[in-house]
N, C-alpha and C. Protein backbone atom coordinates (compact mmCIF):
# COMPACT_ATOMS: atom_id res chain seq x y z
N UNK A 1 -31.06 26.16 11.04
CA UNK A 1 -30.83 25.19 9.98
C UNK A 1 -30.39 25.94 8.72
N UNK A 2 -29.41 25.41 8.02
CA UNK A 2 -28.93 26.09 6.82
C UNK A 2 -29.97 26.00 5.71
N UNK A 3 -29.98 27.00 4.87
CA UNK A 3 -30.96 27.04 3.79
C UNK A 3 -30.51 26.21 2.59
N UNK A 4 -29.19 26.01 2.45
CA UNK A 4 -28.67 25.24 1.33
C UNK A 4 -28.21 23.88 1.83
N UNK A 5 -28.73 22.85 1.25
CA UNK A 5 -28.31 21.49 1.62
C UNK A 5 -27.40 20.93 0.55
N UNK A 6 -26.35 20.28 1.01
CA UNK A 6 -25.41 19.64 0.09
C UNK A 6 -25.95 18.25 -0.22
N UNK A 7 -26.00 17.91 -1.49
CA UNK A 7 -26.57 16.63 -1.89
C UNK A 7 -25.47 15.60 -2.12
N UNK A 8 -25.74 14.34 -1.76
CA UNK A 8 -24.77 13.28 -2.05
C UNK A 8 -24.82 12.92 -3.53
N UNK A 9 -23.66 12.60 -4.09
CA UNK A 9 -23.60 12.13 -5.47
C UNK A 9 -23.70 10.60 -5.45
N UNK A 10 -24.19 10.00 -6.51
CA UNK A 10 -24.46 8.55 -6.49
C UNK A 10 -23.24 7.64 -6.66
N UNK A 11 -22.04 8.11 -6.36
CA UNK A 11 -20.83 7.29 -6.50
C UNK A 11 -20.31 6.90 -5.12
N UNK A 12 -20.88 5.89 -4.53
CA UNK A 12 -20.48 5.43 -3.20
C UNK A 12 -19.33 4.44 -3.34
N UNK A 13 -18.29 4.60 -2.52
CA UNK A 13 -17.15 3.70 -2.52
C UNK A 13 -17.11 2.96 -1.18
N UNK A 14 -17.14 1.64 -1.23
CA UNK A 14 -17.04 0.83 -0.02
C UNK A 14 -15.59 0.57 0.33
N UNK A 15 -15.26 0.64 1.62
CA UNK A 15 -13.90 0.38 2.09
C UNK A 15 -13.96 -0.81 3.05
N UNK A 16 -13.28 -1.89 2.67
CA UNK A 16 -13.23 -3.10 3.50
C UNK A 16 -11.91 -3.08 4.26
N UNK A 17 -11.96 -2.98 5.58
CA UNK A 17 -10.75 -2.88 6.40
C UNK A 17 -10.23 -4.23 6.85
N UNK A 18 -11.05 -5.26 6.78
CA UNK A 18 -10.66 -6.59 7.27
C UNK A 18 -11.01 -7.64 6.22
N UNK A 19 -10.24 -8.70 6.16
CA UNK A 19 -10.54 -9.79 5.23
C UNK A 19 -11.88 -10.45 5.57
N UNK A 20 -12.26 -10.42 6.84
CA UNK A 20 -13.49 -11.07 7.27
C UNK A 20 -14.73 -10.20 7.09
N UNK A 21 -14.57 -8.98 6.61
CA UNK A 21 -15.71 -8.07 6.45
C UNK A 21 -16.63 -8.53 5.32
N UNK A 22 -17.90 -8.74 5.66
CA UNK A 22 -18.90 -9.06 4.65
C UNK A 22 -19.41 -7.78 4.00
N UNK A 23 -19.66 -6.79 4.83
CA UNK A 23 -20.11 -5.48 4.38
C UNK A 23 -18.95 -4.49 4.53
N UNK A 24 -18.97 -3.40 3.78
CA UNK A 24 -17.90 -2.41 3.93
C UNK A 24 -17.87 -1.88 5.37
N UNK A 25 -16.66 -1.68 5.89
CA UNK A 25 -16.51 -1.10 7.22
C UNK A 25 -16.75 0.41 7.18
N UNK A 26 -16.48 1.00 6.03
CA UNK A 26 -16.72 2.43 5.82
C UNK A 26 -17.24 2.63 4.40
N UNK A 27 -17.98 3.69 4.20
CA UNK A 27 -18.33 4.10 2.85
C UNK A 27 -17.93 5.56 2.67
N UNK A 28 -17.45 5.88 1.49
CA UNK A 28 -17.08 7.24 1.14
C UNK A 28 -18.09 7.74 0.12
N UNK A 29 -18.65 8.91 0.40
CA UNK A 29 -19.67 9.48 -0.48
C UNK A 29 -19.25 10.88 -0.89
N UNK A 30 -19.04 11.09 -2.21
CA UNK A 30 -18.74 12.44 -2.67
C UNK A 30 -20.00 13.30 -2.61
N UNK A 31 -19.82 14.56 -2.25
CA UNK A 31 -20.95 15.49 -2.14
C UNK A 31 -20.90 16.52 -3.27
N UNK A 32 -22.03 17.17 -3.48
CA UNK A 32 -22.14 18.12 -4.58
C UNK A 32 -21.25 19.34 -4.40
N UNK A 33 -20.75 19.59 -3.18
CA UNK A 33 -19.86 20.73 -2.97
C UNK A 33 -18.38 20.35 -3.13
N UNK A 34 -18.10 19.09 -3.53
CA UNK A 34 -16.73 18.65 -3.76
C UNK A 34 -16.09 17.92 -2.60
N UNK A 35 -16.70 17.93 -1.43
CA UNK A 35 -16.15 17.22 -0.28
C UNK A 35 -16.52 15.74 -0.34
N UNK A 36 -15.71 14.92 0.34
CA UNK A 36 -16.01 13.49 0.47
C UNK A 36 -16.28 13.21 1.94
N UNK A 37 -17.44 12.64 2.21
CA UNK A 37 -17.85 12.34 3.58
C UNK A 37 -17.73 10.83 3.78
N UNK A 38 -17.18 10.44 4.95
CA UNK A 38 -17.04 9.02 5.27
C UNK A 38 -18.02 8.64 6.38
N UNK A 39 -18.63 7.49 6.22
CA UNK A 39 -19.53 6.95 7.24
C UNK A 39 -19.00 5.58 7.65
N UNK A 40 -19.07 5.27 8.95
CA UNK A 40 -18.64 3.97 9.47
C UNK A 40 -19.88 3.14 9.78
N UNK A 41 -19.73 1.82 9.63
CA UNK A 41 -20.82 0.91 9.94
C UNK A 41 -21.05 0.90 11.45
N UNK A 42 -22.29 0.81 11.85
CA UNK A 42 -22.66 0.75 13.26
C UNK A 42 -22.87 -0.72 13.62
N UNK A 43 -21.93 -1.29 14.36
CA UNK A 43 -21.99 -2.70 14.73
C UNK A 43 -22.75 -2.81 16.04
N UNK A 44 -23.83 -3.59 16.00
CA UNK A 44 -24.64 -3.77 17.20
C UNK A 44 -23.96 -4.79 18.10
N UNK A 45 -23.70 -4.40 19.33
CA UNK A 45 -23.02 -5.27 20.29
C UNK A 45 -24.08 -6.00 21.13
N UNK A 46 -23.72 -7.18 21.68
CA UNK A 46 -24.67 -7.90 22.53
C UNK A 46 -24.97 -7.11 23.81
N UNK A 47 -26.20 -7.25 24.27
CA UNK A 47 -26.63 -6.60 25.51
C UNK A 47 -25.86 -7.20 26.68
N UNK A 48 -25.49 -6.39 27.70
CA UNK A 48 -24.75 -6.91 28.85
C UNK A 48 -25.44 -8.07 29.56
N UNK A 49 -26.78 -8.09 29.59
CA UNK A 49 -27.49 -9.21 30.22
C UNK A 49 -27.25 -10.51 29.45
N UNK A 50 -27.16 -10.42 28.14
CA UNK A 50 -26.88 -11.60 27.33
C UNK A 50 -25.48 -12.13 27.64
N UNK A 51 -24.52 -11.23 27.76
CA UNK A 51 -23.15 -11.64 28.08
C UNK A 51 -23.08 -12.31 29.45
N UNK A 52 -23.80 -11.78 30.43
CA UNK A 52 -23.82 -12.37 31.77
C UNK A 52 -24.45 -13.77 31.72
N UNK A 53 -25.51 -13.93 30.97
CA UNK A 53 -26.16 -15.24 30.85
C UNK A 53 -25.22 -16.25 30.18
N UNK A 54 -24.50 -15.82 29.17
CA UNK A 54 -23.57 -16.72 28.49
C UNK A 54 -22.44 -17.15 29.43
N UNK A 55 -21.96 -16.24 30.29
CA UNK A 55 -20.94 -16.62 31.26
C UNK A 55 -21.46 -17.66 32.24
N UNK A 56 -22.72 -17.50 32.67
CA UNK A 56 -23.32 -18.46 33.59
C UNK A 56 -23.46 -19.83 32.94
N UNK A 57 -23.87 -19.87 31.68
CA UNK A 57 -24.00 -21.14 30.96
C UNK A 57 -22.64 -21.80 30.82
N UNK A 58 -21.63 -21.01 30.49
CA UNK A 58 -20.27 -21.55 30.36
C UNK A 58 -19.80 -22.13 31.69
N UNK A 59 -20.10 -21.44 32.79
CA UNK A 59 -19.71 -21.94 34.11
C UNK A 59 -20.41 -23.26 34.43
N UNK A 60 -21.69 -23.37 34.04
CA UNK A 60 -22.43 -24.61 34.29
C UNK A 60 -21.81 -25.77 33.51
N UNK A 61 -21.39 -25.52 32.27
CA UNK A 61 -20.80 -26.57 31.46
C UNK A 61 -19.47 -27.05 32.06
N UNK A 62 -18.68 -26.13 32.60
CA UNK A 62 -17.41 -26.47 33.23
C UNK A 62 -17.64 -27.26 34.50
N UNK A 63 -18.70 -26.96 35.22
CA UNK A 63 -18.98 -27.60 36.50
C UNK A 63 -19.79 -28.89 36.36
N UNK A 64 -19.98 -29.37 35.17
CA UNK A 64 -20.68 -30.64 34.98
C UNK A 64 -22.18 -30.50 34.91
N UNK A 65 -22.69 -29.32 34.66
CA UNK A 65 -24.11 -29.16 34.45
C UNK A 65 -24.89 -28.63 35.65
N UNK A 66 -24.30 -28.66 36.84
CA UNK A 66 -25.00 -28.11 38.01
C UNK A 66 -24.09 -27.12 38.70
N UNK A 67 -24.67 -26.05 39.20
CA UNK A 67 -23.88 -24.98 39.81
C UNK A 67 -23.27 -25.39 41.15
N UNK A 68 -23.90 -26.33 41.88
CA UNK A 68 -23.40 -26.66 43.20
C UNK A 68 -22.16 -27.54 43.20
N UNK A 69 -21.77 -28.12 42.06
CA UNK A 69 -20.58 -28.95 42.02
C UNK A 69 -19.29 -28.13 42.08
N UNK A 70 -19.36 -26.88 41.63
CA UNK A 70 -18.15 -26.04 41.64
C UNK A 70 -18.15 -25.05 42.78
N UNK A 71 -19.25 -24.90 43.44
CA UNK A 71 -19.28 -23.99 44.59
C UNK A 71 -19.57 -22.64 44.22
């Protein structure tokens, strides 16, 4: 581990990449050594089991509410 740590300066700049972005998609943070570090937002995606359940529900709605009507 390095003995000298670079400290972030308190001037954070938010970057909005989309019109629909509520929060910045990226933030730029200047550091005490003169560099600018960029961080991206971590978007939590739905769990695959949730997606499979939603597909099954959608299929049920198309088939009239019961799975045996569509085969």
